[in-house]
């Protein structure tokens, strides 16, 4: 019985340490896009909108998908 409790405590400690390391890494290592990446993203957005792209709302998506399935016959 003693080893089961020790094993469970060890598992909890390892999980908490791993969680703390992941949180520290997330907060310490931030990523910021540079000017070149921002310009490329803006260019891609311009091309999408120039070619007639528009985001669909949920009602538009429901109209365009098949919600009734296929006929087996």
N, C-alpha and C. Protein backbone atom coordinates (compact mmCIF):
# COMPACT_ATOMS: atom_id res chain seq x y z
N UNK A 1 0.82 -1.19 0.00
CA UNK A 1 0.00 0.00 0.00
C UNK A 1 0.87 1.26 0.00
N UNK A 2 1.97 1.20 0.70
CA UNK A 2 2.87 2.34 0.77
C UNK A 2 3.44 2.70 -0.59
N UNK A 3 3.81 1.70 -1.38
CA UNK A 3 4.41 1.98 -2.68
C UNK A 3 3.40 2.59 -3.64
N UNK A 4 2.14 2.23 -3.51
CA UNK A 4 1.10 2.80 -4.36
C UNK A 4 0.96 4.30 -4.08
N UNK A 5 0.99 4.67 -2.83
CA UNK A 5 0.86 6.09 -2.46
C UNK A 5 2.08 6.86 -2.94
N UNK A 6 3.26 6.29 -2.76
CA UNK A 6 4.49 6.94 -3.21
C UNK A 6 4.48 7.08 -4.73
N UNK A 7 4.04 6.05 -5.43
CA UNK A 7 3.96 6.10 -6.89
C UNK A 7 2.99 7.18 -7.36
N UNK A 8 1.84 7.28 -6.69
CA UNK A 8 0.85 8.30 -7.05
C UNK A 8 1.39 9.69 -6.78
N UNK A 9 2.06 9.88 -5.67
CA UNK A 9 2.65 11.19 -5.36
C UNK A 9 3.74 11.54 -6.37
N UNK A 10 4.54 10.57 -6.76
CA UNK A 10 5.58 10.81 -7.75
C UNK A 10 4.95 11.21 -9.09
N UNK A 11 3.89 10.56 -9.48
CA UNK A 11 3.19 10.90 -10.71
C UNK A 11 2.64 12.32 -10.67
N UNK A 12 2.05 12.71 -9.56
CA UNK A 12 1.51 14.06 -9.41
C UNK A 12 2.63 15.09 -9.45
N UNK A 13 3.74 14.82 -8.78
CA UNK A 13 4.86 15.75 -8.77
C UNK A 13 5.44 15.91 -10.17
N UNK A 14 5.62 14.82 -10.90
CA UNK A 14 6.15 14.89 -12.26
C UNK A 14 5.19 15.66 -13.16
N UNK A 15 3.89 15.43 -13.01
CA UNK A 15 2.90 16.14 -13.82
C UNK A 15 2.93 17.64 -13.51
N UNK A 16 3.02 18.00 -12.26
CA UNK A 16 3.05 19.42 -11.89
C UNK A 16 4.33 20.10 -12.37
N UNK A 17 5.45 19.41 -12.29
CA UNK A 17 6.71 19.98 -12.78
C UNK A 17 6.65 20.16 -14.30
N UNK A 18 6.13 19.18 -15.01
CA UNK A 18 5.98 19.30 -16.46
C UNK A 18 5.06 20.44 -16.84
N UNK A 19 3.96 20.58 -16.13
CA UNK A 19 3.01 21.67 -16.38
C UNK A 19 3.67 23.02 -16.12
N UNK A 20 4.42 23.13 -15.03
CA UNK A 20 5.09 24.39 -14.70
C UNK A 20 6.13 24.74 -15.76
N UNK A 21 6.88 23.76 -16.25
CA UNK A 21 7.87 24.02 -17.30
C UNK A 21 7.18 24.48 -18.59
N UNK A 22 6.08 23.85 -18.93
CA UNK A 22 5.36 24.24 -20.15
C UNK A 22 4.83 25.66 -20.04
N UNK A 23 4.30 26.02 -18.89
CA UNK A 23 3.79 27.38 -18.69
C UNK A 23 4.93 28.40 -18.72
N UNK A 24 6.05 28.07 -18.11
CA UNK A 24 7.20 28.99 -18.11
C UNK A 24 7.74 29.17 -19.51
N UNK A 25 7.81 28.10 -20.28
CA UNK A 25 8.29 28.20 -21.65
C UNK A 25 7.35 29.06 -22.49
N UNK A 26 6.06 28.88 -22.31
CA UNK A 26 5.07 29.65 -23.06
C UNK A 26 5.19 31.14 -22.78
N UNK A 27 5.42 31.49 -21.53
CA UNK A 27 5.50 32.90 -21.16
C UNK A 27 6.87 33.51 -21.47
N UNK A 28 7.91 32.71 -21.43
CA UNK A 28 9.26 33.23 -21.64
C UNK A 28 9.61 33.38 -23.11
N UNK A 29 9.15 32.46 -23.94
CA UNK A 29 9.52 32.46 -25.35
C UNK A 29 8.34 32.94 -26.18
N UNK A 30 8.32 34.23 -26.46
CA UNK A 30 7.24 34.78 -27.27
C UNK A 30 7.68 34.88 -28.72
N UNK A 31 6.72 34.87 -29.60
CA UNK A 31 7.01 34.96 -31.03
C UNK A 31 6.35 36.21 -31.57
N UNK A 32 7.13 37.03 -32.24
CA UNK A 32 6.59 38.23 -32.86
C UNK A 32 6.94 38.19 -34.33
N UNK A 33 5.95 38.48 -35.15
CA UNK A 33 6.18 38.49 -36.60
C UNK A 33 6.99 39.71 -36.99
N UNK A 34 7.92 39.51 -37.91
CA UNK A 34 8.72 40.64 -38.37
C UNK A 34 7.98 41.33 -39.52
N UNK A 35 8.56 42.42 -40.02
CA UNK A 35 7.90 43.21 -41.05
C UNK A 35 7.69 42.42 -42.34
N UNK A 36 8.65 41.56 -42.67
CA UNK A 36 8.53 40.77 -43.90
C UNK A 36 7.34 39.80 -43.82
N UNK A 37 7.16 39.17 -42.67
CA UNK A 37 6.04 38.25 -42.50
C UNK A 37 4.71 38.99 -42.52
N UNK A 38 4.67 40.16 -41.88
CA UNK A 38 3.43 40.95 -41.89
C UNK A 38 3.08 41.39 -43.30
N UNK A 39 4.08 41.80 -44.09
CA UNK A 39 3.84 42.22 -45.47
C UNK A 39 3.34 41.05 -46.31
N UNK A 40 3.91 39.87 -46.12
CA UNK A 40 3.48 38.70 -46.88
C UNK A 40 2.04 38.32 -46.52
N UNK A 41 1.69 38.44 -45.26
CA UNK A 41 0.33 38.13 -44.84
C UNK A 41 -0.68 39.13 -45.42
N UNK A 42 -0.31 40.41 -45.43
CA UNK A 42 -1.19 41.42 -46.01
C UNK A 42 -1.35 41.20 -47.51
N UNK A 43 -0.26 40.83 -48.17
CA UNK A 43 -0.31 40.57 -49.62
C UNK A 43 -1.23 39.38 -49.92
N UNK A 44 -1.13 38.33 -49.12
CA UNK A 44 -1.98 37.16 -49.31
C UNK A 44 -3.44 37.52 -49.08
N UNK A 45 -3.73 38.35 -48.09
CA UNK A 45 -5.10 38.77 -47.83
C UNK A 45 -5.64 39.60 -48.98
N UNK A 46 -4.80 40.47 -49.53
CA UNK A 46 -5.22 41.28 -50.68
C UNK A 46 -5.58 40.38 -51.86
N UNK A 47 -4.74 39.38 -52.13
CA UNK A 47 -5.01 38.48 -53.25
C UNK A 47 -6.31 37.71 -53.05
N UNK A 48 -6.55 37.27 -51.83
CA UNK A 48 -7.79 36.54 -51.56
C UNK A 48 -9.00 37.43 -51.82
N UNK A 49 -8.97 38.64 -51.32
CA UNK A 49 -10.12 39.53 -51.49
C UNK A 49 -10.26 40.00 -52.93
N UNK A 50 -9.16 40.13 -53.64
CA UNK A 50 -9.21 40.53 -55.05
C UNK A 50 -9.87 39.45 -55.89
N UNK A 51 -9.65 38.18 -55.54
CA UNK A 51 -10.19 37.07 -56.30
C UNK A 51 -11.60 36.67 -55.86
N UNK A 52 -12.23 37.49 -55.04
CA UNK A 52 -13.62 37.23 -54.67
C UNK A 52 -13.82 36.39 -53.43
N UNK A 53 -12.83 36.27 -52.60
CA UNK A 53 -12.95 35.48 -51.38
C UNK A 53 -13.72 36.27 -50.33
N UNK A 54 -14.63 35.61 -49.67
CA UNK A 54 -15.29 36.21 -48.51
C UNK A 54 -15.58 35.09 -47.51
N UNK A 55 -15.50 35.42 -46.25
CA UNK A 55 -15.76 34.41 -45.23
C UNK A 55 -17.25 34.12 -45.18
N UNK A 56 -17.57 32.86 -44.99
CA UNK A 56 -18.96 32.45 -44.92
C UNK A 56 -19.42 32.40 -43.47
N UNK A 57 -20.65 32.81 -43.26
CA UNK A 57 -21.26 32.66 -41.95
C UNK A 57 -21.82 31.25 -41.82
N UNK A 58 -22.29 30.89 -40.65
CA UNK A 58 -22.79 29.54 -40.42
C UNK A 58 -24.01 29.26 -41.29
N UNK A 59 -24.86 30.26 -41.53
CA UNK A 59 -26.04 30.05 -42.37
C UNK A 59 -25.63 29.77 -43.81
N UNK A 60 -24.59 30.46 -44.29
CA UNK A 60 -24.10 30.22 -45.65
C UNK A 60 -23.50 28.82 -45.78
N UNK A 61 -22.81 28.39 -44.76
CA UNK A 61 -22.20 27.06 -44.79
C UNK A 61 -23.28 25.99 -44.82
N UNK A 62 -24.31 26.17 -44.01
CA UNK A 62 -25.39 25.18 -43.97
C UNK A 62 -26.10 25.10 -45.33
N UNK A 63 -26.23 26.23 -46.03
CA UNK A 63 -26.86 26.23 -47.35
C UNK A 63 -26.02 25.47 -48.37
N UNK A 64 -24.70 25.51 -48.25
CA UNK A 64 -23.84 24.92 -49.27
C UNK A 64 -23.45 23.48 -49.01
N UNK A 65 -23.60 22.98 -47.79
CA UNK A 65 -23.23 21.59 -47.53
C UNK A 65 -24.44 20.68 -47.65
N UNK A 66 -24.18 19.43 -47.82
CA UNK A 66 -25.26 18.45 -47.88
C UNK A 66 -25.56 17.97 -46.47
N UNK A 67 -26.71 18.33 -45.97
CA UNK A 67 -27.08 17.91 -44.61
C UNK A 67 -28.06 16.75 -44.64
N UNK A 68 -28.47 16.31 -45.84
CA UNK A 68 -29.45 15.23 -45.94
C UNK A 68 -28.80 13.90 -46.28
N UNK A 69 -27.54 13.87 -46.60
CA UNK A 69 -26.87 12.63 -46.93
C UNK A 69 -27.11 12.22 -48.36
N UNK A 70 -26.82 10.97 -48.66
CA UNK A 70 -26.96 10.46 -50.02
C UNK A 70 -28.10 9.46 -50.09
N UNK A 71 -28.68 9.39 -51.25
CA UNK A 71 -29.74 8.40 -51.48
C UNK A 71 -29.10 7.05 -51.80
N UNK A 72 -29.57 6.00 -51.19
CA UNK A 72 -29.00 4.69 -51.40
C UNK A 72 -29.50 4.03 -52.68
N UNK A 73 -30.58 4.55 -53.22
CA UNK A 73 -31.17 3.94 -54.41
C UNK A 73 -30.81 4.69 -55.64
